[in-house]
All heavy atoms as atom14 arrays in JSON, in Angstrom:
{
  "sequence": "VPAKLIKVKADGNCLFRCMSLVVTGSEAWHARMRTIICEFMLQHCS",
  "atom14_mask": [
    [1, 1, 1, 1, 1, 1, 1, 0, 0, 0, 0, 0, 0, 0],
    [1, 1, 1, 1, 1, 1, 1, 0, 0, 0, 0, 0, 0, 0],
    [1, 1, 1, 1, 1, 0, 0, 0, 0, 0, 0, 0, 0, 0],
    [1, 1, 1, 1, 1, 1, 1, 1, 1, 0, 0, 0, 0, 0],
    [1, 1, 1, 1, 1, 1, 1, 1, 0, 0, 0, 0, 0, 0],
    [1, 1, 1, 1, 1, 1, 1, 1, 0, 0, 0, 0, 0, 0],
    [1, 1, 1, 1, 1, 1, 1, 1, 1, 0, 0, 0, 0, 0],
    [1, 1, 1, 1, 1, 1, 1, 0, 0, 0, 0, 0, 0, 0],
    [1, 1, 1, 1, 1, 1, 1, 1, 1, 0, 0, 0, 0, 0],
    [1, 1, 1, 1, 1, 0, 0, 0, 0, 0, 0, 0, 0, 0],
    [1, 1, 1, 1, 1, 1, 1, 1, 0, 0, 0, 0, 0, 0],
    [1, 1, 1, 1, 0, 0, 0, 0, 0, 0, 0, 0, 0, 0],
    [1, 1, 1, 1, 1, 1, 1, 1, 0, 0, 0, 0, 0, 0],
    [1, 1, 1, 1, 1, 1, 0, 0, 0, 0, 0, 0, 0, 0],
    [1, 1, 1, 1, 1, 1, 1, 1, 0, 0, 0, 0, 0, 0],
    [1, 1, 1, 1, 1, 1, 1, 1, 1, 1, 1, 0, 0, 0],
    [1, 1, 1, 1, 1, 1, 1, 1, 1, 1, 1, 0, 0, 0],
    [1, 1, 1, 1, 1, 1, 0, 0, 0, 0, 0, 0, 0, 0],
    [1, 1, 1, 1, 1, 1, 1, 1, 0, 0, 0, 0, 0, 0],
    [1, 1, 1, 1, 1, 1, 0, 0, 0, 0, 0, 0, 0, 0],
    [1, 1, 1, 1, 1, 1, 1, 1, 0, 0, 0, 0, 0, 0],
    [1, 1, 1, 1, 1, 1, 1, 0, 0, 0, 0, 0, 0, 0],
    [1, 1, 1, 1, 1, 1, 1, 0, 0, 0, 0, 0, 0, 0],
    [1, 1, 1, 1, 1, 1, 1, 0, 0, 0, 0, 0, 0, 0],
    [1, 1, 1, 1, 0, 0, 0, 0, 0, 0, 0, 0, 0, 0],
    [1, 1, 1, 1, 1, 1, 0, 0, 0, 0, 0, 0, 0, 0],
    [1, 1, 1, 1, 1, 1, 1, 1, 1, 0, 0, 0, 0, 0],
    [1, 1, 1, 1, 1, 0, 0, 0, 0, 0, 0, 0, 0, 0],
    [1, 1, 1, 1, 1, 1, 1, 1, 1, 1, 1, 1, 1, 1],
    [1, 1, 1, 1, 1, 1, 1, 1, 1, 1, 0, 0, 0, 0],
    [1, 1, 1, 1, 1, 0, 0, 0, 0, 0, 0, 0, 0, 0],
    [1, 1, 1, 1, 1, 1, 1, 1, 1, 1, 1, 0, 0, 0],
    [1, 1, 1, 1, 1, 1, 1, 1, 0, 0, 0, 0, 0, 0],
    [1, 1, 1, 1, 1, 1, 1, 1, 1, 1, 1, 0, 0, 0],
    [1, 1, 1, 1, 1, 1, 1, 0, 0, 0, 0, 0, 0, 0],
    [1, 1, 1, 1, 1, 1, 1, 1, 0, 0, 0, 0, 0, 0],
    [1, 1, 1, 1, 1, 1, 1, 1, 0, 0, 0, 0, 0, 0],
    [1, 1, 1, 1, 1, 1, 0, 0, 0, 0, 0, 0, 0, 0],
    [1, 1, 1, 1, 1, 1, 1, 1, 1, 0, 0, 0, 0, 0],
    [1, 1, 1, 1, 1, 1, 1, 1, 1, 1, 1, 0, 0, 0],
    [1, 1, 1, 1, 1, 1, 1, 1, 0, 0, 0, 0, 0, 0],
    [1, 1, 1, 1, 1, 1, 1, 1, 0, 0, 0, 0, 0, 0],
    [1, 1, 1, 1, 1, 1, 1, 1, 1, 0, 0, 0, 0, 0],
    [1, 1, 1, 1, 1, 1, 1, 1, 1, 1, 0, 0, 0, 0],
    [1, 1, 1, 1, 1, 1, 0, 0, 0, 0, 0, 0, 0, 0],
    [1, 1, 1, 1, 1, 1, 0, 0, 0, 0, 0, 0, 0, 0]
  ],
  "atom14_positions": [
    [[165.55, 37.89, 97.42], [165.44, 38.98, 98.38], [166.62, 38.92, 99.35], [166.88, 37.88, 99.95], [164.12, 38.89, 99.16], [164.04, 39.98, 100.22], [162.94, 39.01, 98.2], [0.0, 0.0, 0.0], [0.0, 0.0, 0.0], [0.0, 0.0, 0.0], [0.0, 0.0, 0.0], [0.0, 0.0, 0.0], [0.0, 0.0, 0.0], [0.0, 0.0, 0.0]],
    [[167.37, 40.0, 99.49], [168.53, 40.0, 100.4], [168.11, 39.65, 101.83], [167.01, 39.97, 102.28], [169.04, 41.44, 100.31], [168.57, 41.93, 98.98], [167.25, 41.27, 98.77], [0.0, 0.0, 0.0], [0.0, 0.0, 0.0], [0.0, 0.0, 0.0], [0.0, 0.0, 0.0], [0.0, 0.0, 0.0], [0.0, 0.0, 0.0], [0.0, 0.0, 0.0]],
    [[169.02, 39.01, 102.55], [168.72, 38.57, 103.91], [168.65, 39.75, 104.88], [167.88, 39.72, 105.84], [169.78, 37.57, 104.38], [0.0, 0.0, 0.0], [0.0, 0.0, 0.0], [0.0, 0.0, 0.0], [0.0, 0.0, 0.0], [0.0, 0.0, 0.0], [0.0, 0.0, 0.0], [0.0, 0.0, 0.0], [0.0, 0.0, 0.0], [0.0, 0.0, 0.0]],
    [[169.44, 40.8, 104.63], [169.45, 41.93, 105.56], [169.84, 43.21, 104.83], [170.77, 43.21, 104.02], [170.42, 41.69, 106.72], [170.29, 42.7, 107.85], [171.14, 42.29, 109.05], [170.96, 43.26, 110.2], [171.79, 42.89, 111.39], [0.0, 0.0, 0.0], [0.0, 0.0, 0.0], [0.0, 0.0, 0.0], [0.0, 0.0, 0.0], [0.0, 0.0, 0.0]],
    [[169.12, 44.28, 105.13], [169.36, 45.58, 104.52], [169.6, 46.63, 105.6], [169.17, 46.49, 106.74], [168.15, 46.03, 103.7], [167.63, 45.12, 102.6], [166.29, 45.64, 102.1], [168.63, 45.05, 101.45], [0.0, 0.0, 0.0], [0.0, 0.0, 0.0], [0.0, 0.0, 0.0], [0.0, 0.0, 0.0], [0.0, 0.0, 0.0], [0.0, 0.0, 0.0]],
    [[170.28, 47.71, 105.21], [170.23, 48.94, 105.97], [169.3, 49.86, 105.2], [169.59, 50.24, 104.07], [171.61, 49.61, 106.12], [172.58, 48.68, 106.84], [171.47, 50.93, 106.89], [173.97, 49.28, 107.01], [0.0, 0.0, 0.0], [0.0, 0.0, 0.0], [0.0, 0.0, 0.0], [0.0, 0.0, 0.0], [0.0, 0.0, 0.0], [0.0, 0.0, 0.0]],
    [[168.18, 50.18, 105.79], [167.18, 50.99, 105.12], [167.5, 52.47, 105.29], [167.88, 52.92, 106.38], [165.78, 50.68, 105.65], [165.32, 49.27, 105.31], [163.9, 49.03, 105.78], [163.4, 47.66, 105.37], [163.28, 47.52, 103.9], [0.0, 0.0, 0.0], [0.0, 0.0, 0.0], [0.0, 0.0, 0.0], [0.0, 0.0, 0.0], [0.0, 0.0, 0.0]],
    [[167.35, 53.23, 104.21], [167.58, 54.67, 104.26], [166.24, 55.39, 104.09], [165.24, 54.81, 103.69], [168.57, 55.12, 103.17], [169.9, 54.39, 103.31], [167.99, 54.93, 101.77], [0.0, 0.0, 0.0], [0.0, 0.0, 0.0], [0.0, 0.0, 0.0], [0.0, 0.0, 0.0], [0.0, 0.0, 0.0], [0.0, 0.0, 0.0], [0.0, 0.0, 0.0]],
    [[166.26, 56.66, 104.4], [165.05, 57.47, 104.34], [164.52, 57.56, 102.91], [165.27, 57.79, 101.98], [165.33, 58.87, 104.89], [164.1, 59.76, 105.02], [164.46, 61.08, 105.68], [163.24, 61.97, 105.84], [163.59, 63.27, 106.48], [0.0, 0.0, 0.0], [0.0, 0.0, 0.0], [0.0, 0.0, 0.0], [0.0, 0.0, 0.0], [0.0, 0.0, 0.0]],
    [[163.21, 57.4, 102.76], [162.57, 57.46, 101.44], [162.03, 58.86, 101.21], [160.86, 59.15, 101.46], [161.44, 56.44, 101.35], [0.0, 0.0, 0.0], [0.0, 0.0, 0.0], [0.0, 0.0, 0.0], [0.0, 0.0, 0.0], [0.0, 0.0, 0.0], [0.0, 0.0, 0.0], [0.0, 0.0, 0.0], [0.0, 0.0, 0.0], [0.0, 0.0, 0.0]],
    [[162.89, 59.74, 100.73], [162.51, 61.14, 100.54], [162.87, 61.68, 99.16], [162.91, 62.89, 98.93], [163.15, 62.03, 101.61], [164.67, 62.01, 101.53], [165.23, 61.2, 100.76], [165.3, 62.82, 102.24], [0.0, 0.0, 0.0], [0.0, 0.0, 0.0], [0.0, 0.0, 0.0], [0.0, 0.0, 0.0], [0.0, 0.0, 0.0], [0.0, 0.0, 0.0]],
    [[163.16, 60.77, 98.2], [163.57, 61.2, 96.87], [165.08, 61.28, 96.71], [165.57, 61.5, 95.61], [0.0, 0.0, 0.0], [0.0, 0.0, 0.0], [0.0, 0.0, 0.0], [0.0, 0.0, 0.0], [0.0, 0.0, 0.0], [0.0, 0.0, 0.0], [0.0, 0.0, 0.0], [0.0, 0.0, 0.0], [0.0, 0.0, 0.0], [0.0, 0.0, 0.0]],
    [[165.8, 61.08, 97.82], [167.27, 61.16, 97.79], [167.92, 59.84, 98.16], [169.09, 59.79, 98.51], [167.73, 62.24, 98.77], [167.1, 63.6, 98.48], [167.33, 64.19, 97.45], [166.27, 64.07, 99.41], [0.0, 0.0, 0.0], [0.0, 0.0, 0.0], [0.0, 0.0, 0.0], [0.0, 0.0, 0.0], [0.0, 0.0, 0.0], [0.0, 0.0, 0.0]],
    [[167.15, 58.74, 98.07], [167.6, 57.47, 98.62], [168.89, 56.95, 97.99], [169.74, 56.39, 98.7], [166.49, 56.43, 98.54], [165.87, 56.11, 96.88], [0.0, 0.0, 0.0], [0.0, 0.0, 0.0], [0.0, 0.0, 0.0], [0.0, 0.0, 0.0], [0.0, 0.0, 0.0], [0.0, 0.0, 0.0], [0.0, 0.0, 0.0], [0.0, 0.0, 0.0]],
    [[169.06, 57.1, 96.68], [170.28, 56.6, 96.06], [171.5, 57.33, 96.61], [172.51, 56.7, 96.95], [170.22, 56.76, 94.54], [171.49, 56.32, 93.78], [171.83, 54.86, 94.08], [171.34, 56.54, 92.28], [0.0, 0.0, 0.0], [0.0, 0.0, 0.0], [0.0, 0.0, 0.0], [0.0, 0.0, 0.0], [0.0, 0.0, 0.0], [0.0, 0.0, 0.0]],
    [[171.4, 58.63, 96.74], [172.53, 59.41, 97.25], [172.73, 59.17, 98.75], [173.85, 59.24, 99.26], [172.32, 60.89, 96.95], [172.17, 61.15, 95.48], [170.91, 61.34, 94.92], [173.27, 61.17, 94.65], [170.77, 61.56, 93.56], [173.14, 61.38, 93.28], [171.89, 61.58, 92.73], [0.0, 0.0, 0.0], [0.0, 0.0, 0.0], [0.0, 0.0, 0.0]],
    [[171.64, 58.87, 99.47], [171.76, 58.48, 100.87], [172.53, 57.16, 100.98], [173.38, 57.0, 101.86], [170.37, 58.35, 101.51], [169.69, 59.68, 101.78], [168.34, 59.51, 102.46], [167.73, 60.79, 102.77], [167.99, 61.52, 103.84], [168.86, 61.07, 104.74], [167.39, 62.68, 104.05], [0.0, 0.0, 0.0], [0.0, 0.0, 0.0], [0.0, 0.0, 0.0]],
    [[172.23, 56.22, 100.09], [172.97, 54.95, 100.08], [174.44, 55.17, 99.77], [175.32, 54.56, 100.41], [172.36, 53.99, 99.06], [170.76, 53.3, 99.52], [0.0, 0.0, 0.0], [0.0, 0.0, 0.0], [0.0, 0.0, 0.0], [0.0, 0.0, 0.0], [0.0, 0.0, 0.0], [0.0, 0.0, 0.0], [0.0, 0.0, 0.0], [0.0, 0.0, 0.0]],
    [[174.72, 56.02, 98.81], [176.11, 56.31, 98.45], [176.85, 56.93, 99.62], [178.01, 56.58, 99.91], [176.15, 57.22, 97.23], [175.67, 56.57, 95.95], [175.57, 57.77, 94.59], [175.13, 56.71, 93.21], [0.0, 0.0, 0.0], [0.0, 0.0, 0.0], [0.0, 0.0, 0.0], [0.0, 0.0, 0.0], [0.0, 0.0, 0.0], [0.0, 0.0, 0.0]],
    [[176.21, 57.88, 100.29], [176.81, 58.49, 101.48], [177.04, 57.46, 102.57], [178.09, 57.43, 103.22], [175.9, 59.61, 101.99], [176.35, 60.13, 103.22], [0.0, 0.0, 0.0], [0.0, 0.0, 0.0], [0.0, 0.0, 0.0], [0.0, 0.0, 0.0], [0.0, 0.0, 0.0], [0.0, 0.0, 0.0], [0.0, 0.0, 0.0], [0.0, 0.0, 0.0]],
    [[176.06, 56.58, 102.75], [176.14, 55.58, 103.81], [177.27, 54.6, 103.59], [178.04, 54.3, 104.52], [174.8, 54.84, 103.9], [174.69, 53.75, 104.96], [174.84, 54.33, 106.35], [173.35, 53.03, 104.83], [0.0, 0.0, 0.0], [0.0, 0.0, 0.0], [0.0, 0.0, 0.0], [0.0, 0.0, 0.0], [0.0, 0.0, 0.0], [0.0, 0.0, 0.0]],
    [[177.41, 54.08, 102.37], [178.44, 53.06, 102.14], [179.84, 53.66, 102.19], [180.81, 52.95, 102.45], [178.23, 52.32, 100.79], [176.92, 51.55, 100.8], [178.26, 53.28, 99.61], [0.0, 0.0, 0.0], [0.0, 0.0, 0.0], [0.0, 0.0, 0.0], [0.0, 0.0, 0.0], [0.0, 0.0, 0.0], [0.0, 0.0, 0.0], [0.0, 0.0, 0.0]],
    [[179.96, 54.96, 101.95], [181.27, 55.61, 102.01], [181.6, 56.03, 103.44], [182.68, 55.73, 103.96], [181.33, 56.83, 101.06], [182.62, 57.63, 101.3], [181.26, 56.37, 99.61], [0.0, 0.0, 0.0], [0.0, 0.0, 0.0], [0.0, 0.0, 0.0], [0.0, 0.0, 0.0], [0.0, 0.0, 0.0], [0.0, 0.0, 0.0], [0.0, 0.0, 0.0]],
    [[180.7, 56.75, 104.1], [181.01, 57.35, 105.4], [180.42, 56.62, 106.6], [180.83, 56.87, 107.73], [180.49, 58.8, 105.45], [179.05, 58.8, 105.49], [180.94, 59.59, 104.24], [0.0, 0.0, 0.0], [0.0, 0.0, 0.0], [0.0, 0.0, 0.0], [0.0, 0.0, 0.0], [0.0, 0.0, 0.0], [0.0, 0.0, 0.0], [0.0, 0.0, 0.0]],
    [[179.43, 55.76, 106.35], [178.72, 55.14, 107.46], [177.54, 55.95, 107.93], [176.91, 55.62, 108.93], [0.0, 0.0, 0.0], [0.0, 0.0, 0.0], [0.0, 0.0, 0.0], [0.0, 0.0, 0.0], [0.0, 0.0, 0.0], [0.0, 0.0, 0.0], [0.0, 0.0, 0.0], [0.0, 0.0, 0.0], [0.0, 0.0, 0.0], [0.0, 0.0, 0.0]],
    [[177.2, 57.01, 107.2], [176.09, 57.88, 107.56], [175.39, 58.38, 106.31], [176.04, 58.66, 105.29], [176.59, 59.08, 108.38], [175.58, 60.05, 108.54], [0.0, 0.0, 0.0], [0.0, 0.0, 0.0], [0.0, 0.0, 0.0], [0.0, 0.0, 0.0], [0.0, 0.0, 0.0], [0.0, 0.0, 0.0], [0.0, 0.0, 0.0], [0.0, 0.0, 0.0]],
    [[174.06, 58.56, 106.4], [173.29, 59.15, 105.3], [173.46, 60.66, 105.22], [173.05, 61.28, 104.24], [171.79, 58.88, 105.49], [171.36, 57.45, 105.5], [169.87, 57.34, 105.77], [169.09, 58.17, 105.24], [169.46, 56.43, 106.53], [0.0, 0.0, 0.0], [0.0, 0.0, 0.0], [0.0, 0.0, 0.0], [0.0, 0.0, 0.0], [0.0, 0.0, 0.0]],
    [[174.03, 61.25, 106.24], [173.99, 62.7, 106.42], [174.59, 63.48, 105.27], [174.23, 64.63, 105.03], [174.68, 63.08, 107.72], [0.0, 0.0, 0.0], [0.0, 0.0, 0.0], [0.0, 0.0, 0.0], [0.0, 0.0, 0.0], [0.0, 0.0, 0.0], [0.0, 0.0, 0.0], [0.0, 0.0, 0.0], [0.0, 0.0, 0.0], [0.0, 0.0, 0.0]],
    [[175.51, 62.86, 104.53], [176.22, 63.58, 103.47], [175.58, 63.38, 102.11], [176.23, 63.59, 101.08], [177.68, 63.12, 103.44], [178.42, 63.46, 104.69], [178.71, 62.63, 105.74], [178.96, 64.73, 105.04], [179.4, 63.29, 106.71], [179.57, 64.6, 106.31], [179.0, 65.98, 104.4], [180.2, 65.66, 106.96], [179.63, 67.03, 105.05], [180.22, 66.87, 106.31]],
    [[174.31, 63.0, 102.06], [173.69, 62.7, 100.77], [173.66, 63.9, 99.83], [173.86, 63.76, 98.62], [172.28, 62.13, 100.97], [171.28, 63.12, 101.49], [170.51, 63.91, 100.66], [170.92, 63.44, 102.76], [169.72, 64.66, 101.39], [169.94, 64.4, 102.67], [0.0, 0.0, 0.0], [0.0, 0.0, 0.0], [0.0, 0.0, 0.0], [0.0, 0.0, 0.0]],
    [[173.41, 65.1, 100.34], [173.35, 66.29, 99.48], [174.73, 66.59, 98.91], [174.86, 66.93, 97.72], [172.82, 67.48, 100.26], [0.0, 0.0, 0.0], [0.0, 0.0, 0.0], [0.0, 0.0, 0.0], [0.0, 0.0, 0.0], [0.0, 0.0, 0.0], [0.0, 0.0, 0.0], [0.0, 0.0, 0.0], [0.0, 0.0, 0.0], [0.0, 0.0, 0.0]],
    [[175.76, 66.45, 99.73], [177.13, 66.67, 99.25], [177.52, 65.6, 98.24], [178.16, 65.9, 97.23], [178.08, 66.67, 100.45], [179.55, 66.81, 100.08], [179.83, 68.1, 99.34], [181.23, 68.2, 98.94], [181.66, 68.91, 97.9], [180.8, 69.59, 97.15], [182.93, 68.96, 97.61], [0.0, 0.0, 0.0], [0.0, 0.0, 0.0], [0.0, 0.0, 0.0]],
    [[177.12, 64.36, 98.49], [177.42, 63.28, 97.54], [176.74, 63.55, 96.21], [177.32, 63.33, 95.14], [176.95, 61.94, 98.11], [177.26, 60.75, 97.22], [179.04, 60.46, 97.0], [179.42, 59.72, 98.6], [0.0, 0.0, 0.0], [0.0, 0.0, 0.0], [0.0, 0.0, 0.0], [0.0, 0.0, 0.0], [0.0, 0.0, 0.0], [0.0, 0.0, 0.0]],
    [[175.52, 64.04, 96.24], [174.81, 64.4, 95.01], [175.59, 65.44, 94.22], [175.76, 65.31, 93.0], [173.42, 64.92, 95.35], [172.58, 65.31, 94.16], [171.31, 66.01, 94.6], [170.31, 65.1, 95.15], [169.34, 64.54, 94.44], [169.24, 64.79, 93.14], [168.45, 63.75, 95.01], [0.0, 0.0, 0.0], [0.0, 0.0, 0.0], [0.0, 0.0, 0.0]],
    [[176.08, 66.46, 94.91], [176.86, 67.51, 94.25], [178.14, 66.96, 93.65], [178.52, 67.29, 92.51], [177.21, 68.62, 95.26], [176.0, 69.21, 95.74], [178.07, 69.7, 94.61], [0.0, 0.0, 0.0], [0.0, 0.0, 0.0], [0.0, 0.0, 0.0], [0.0, 0.0, 0.0], [0.0, 0.0, 0.0], [0.0, 0.0, 0.0], [0.0, 0.0, 0.0]],
    [[178.82, 66.09, 94.4], [180.07, 65.49, 93.92], [179.83, 64.68, 92.66], [180.59, 64.76, 91.68], [180.7, 64.62, 95.02], [181.2, 65.5, 96.18], [181.85, 63.78, 94.46], [181.61, 64.71, 97.41], [0.0, 0.0, 0.0], [0.0, 0.0, 0.0], [0.0, 0.0, 0.0], [0.0, 0.0, 0.0], [0.0, 0.0, 0.0], [0.0, 0.0, 0.0]],
    [[178.76, 63.89, 92.65], [178.43, 63.07, 91.49], [178.11, 63.96, 90.29], [178.56, 63.71, 89.15], [177.24, 62.15, 91.79], [177.62, 61.1, 92.83], [176.73, 61.47, 90.52], [178.59, 60.07, 92.36], [0.0, 0.0, 0.0], [0.0, 0.0, 0.0], [0.0, 0.0, 0.0], [0.0, 0.0, 0.0], [0.0, 0.0, 0.0], [0.0, 0.0, 0.0]],
    [[177.34, 65.02, 90.51], [176.97, 65.92, 89.41], [178.2, 66.58, 88.81], [178.33, 66.68, 87.57], [175.99, 66.98, 89.92], [174.31, 66.37, 90.19], [0.0, 0.0, 0.0], [0.0, 0.0, 0.0], [0.0, 0.0, 0.0], [0.0, 0.0, 0.0], [0.0, 0.0, 0.0], [0.0, 0.0, 0.0], [0.0, 0.0, 0.0], [0.0, 0.0, 0.0]],
    [[179.13, 67.03, 89.65], [180.34, 67.67, 89.14], [181.2, 66.66, 88.38], [181.79, 67.0, 87.34], [181.13, 68.27, 90.3], [180.47, 69.48, 90.93], [180.24, 70.6, 89.92], [181.12, 70.85, 89.09], [179.14, 71.2, 89.96], [0.0, 0.0, 0.0], [0.0, 0.0, 0.0], [0.0, 0.0, 0.0], [0.0, 0.0, 0.0], [0.0, 0.0, 0.0]],
    [[181.26, 65.44, 88.87], [182.03, 64.41, 88.18], [181.45, 64.14, 86.81], [182.18, 63.99, 85.82], [182.07, 63.13, 89.01], [182.83, 62.01, 88.36], [184.21, 61.97, 88.43], [182.18, 61.01, 87.66], [184.94, 60.96, 87.82], [182.88, 59.98, 87.05], [184.26, 59.96, 87.13], [0.0, 0.0, 0.0], [0.0, 0.0, 0.0], [0.0, 0.0, 0.0]],
    [[180.13, 64.05, 86.71], [179.49, 63.79, 85.42], [179.81, 64.9, 84.42], [180.09, 64.64, 83.25], [177.98, 63.64, 85.59], [177.58, 62.34, 86.26], [175.79, 61.96, 86.11], [175.08, 63.23, 87.16], [0.0, 0.0, 0.0], [0.0, 0.0, 0.0], [0.0, 0.0, 0.0], [0.0, 0.0, 0.0], [0.0, 0.0, 0.0], [0.0, 0.0, 0.0]],
    [[179.78, 66.13, 84.87], [180.08, 67.25, 83.97], [181.52, 67.23, 83.5], [181.82, 67.52, 82.33], [179.78, 68.58, 84.67], [178.31, 68.99, 84.78], [178.21, 70.28, 85.59], [177.67, 69.17, 83.41], [0.0, 0.0, 0.0], [0.0, 0.0, 0.0], [0.0, 0.0, 0.0], [0.0, 0.0, 0.0], [0.0, 0.0, 0.0], [0.0, 0.0, 0.0]],
    [[182.44, 66.9, 84.38], [183.87, 67.02, 84.09], [184.48, 65.79, 83.44], [185.47, 65.9, 82.72], [184.62, 67.35, 85.38], [184.24, 68.68, 86.0], [184.91, 68.92, 87.33], [185.93, 68.32, 87.65], [184.33, 69.81, 88.14], [0.0, 0.0, 0.0], [0.0, 0.0, 0.0], [0.0, 0.0, 0.0], [0.0, 0.0, 0.0], [0.0, 0.0, 0.0]],
    [[183.89, 64.6, 83.7], [184.59, 63.38, 83.3], [183.75, 62.37, 82.52], [184.28, 61.33, 82.12], [185.16, 62.67, 84.53], [186.1, 63.5, 85.34], [187.38, 63.79, 84.92], [185.92, 64.14, 86.53], [187.97, 64.55, 85.82], [187.11, 64.78, 86.81], [0.0, 0.0, 0.0], [0.0, 0.0, 0.0], [0.0, 0.0, 0.0], [0.0, 0.0, 0.0]],
    [[182.47, 62.63, 82.31], [181.6, 61.58, 81.75], [181.05, 61.9, 80.36], [180.27, 61.11, 79.82], [180.44, 61.31, 82.7], [180.96, 60.71, 84.32], [0.0, 0.0, 0.0], [0.0, 0.0, 0.0], [0.0, 0.0, 0.0], [0.0, 0.0, 0.0], [0.0, 0.0, 0.0], [0.0, 0.0, 0.0], [0.0, 0.0, 0.0], [0.0, 0.0, 0.0]],
    [[181.41, 63.02, 79.79], [180.81, 63.42, 78.52], [181.13, 62.46, 77.38], [180.4, 62.39, 76.39], [181.26, 64.84, 78.15], [182.67, 64.89, 78.02], [0.0, 0.0, 0.0], [0.0, 0.0, 0.0], [0.0, 0.0, 0.0], [0.0, 0.0, 0.0], [0.0, 0.0, 0.0], [0.0, 0.0, 0.0], [0.0, 0.0, 0.0], [0.0, 0.0, 0.0]]
  ]
}
């Protein structure tokens, strides 16, 4: 078990909240991060 966590909101968007947090320092961009990831998957991951 990790010694210390930054907990994010548990609303079904937690992974994208974590991604937003580690990049910007804020969860606020989780919806935009979700969109960015989706577009990347379509364009570069097939």
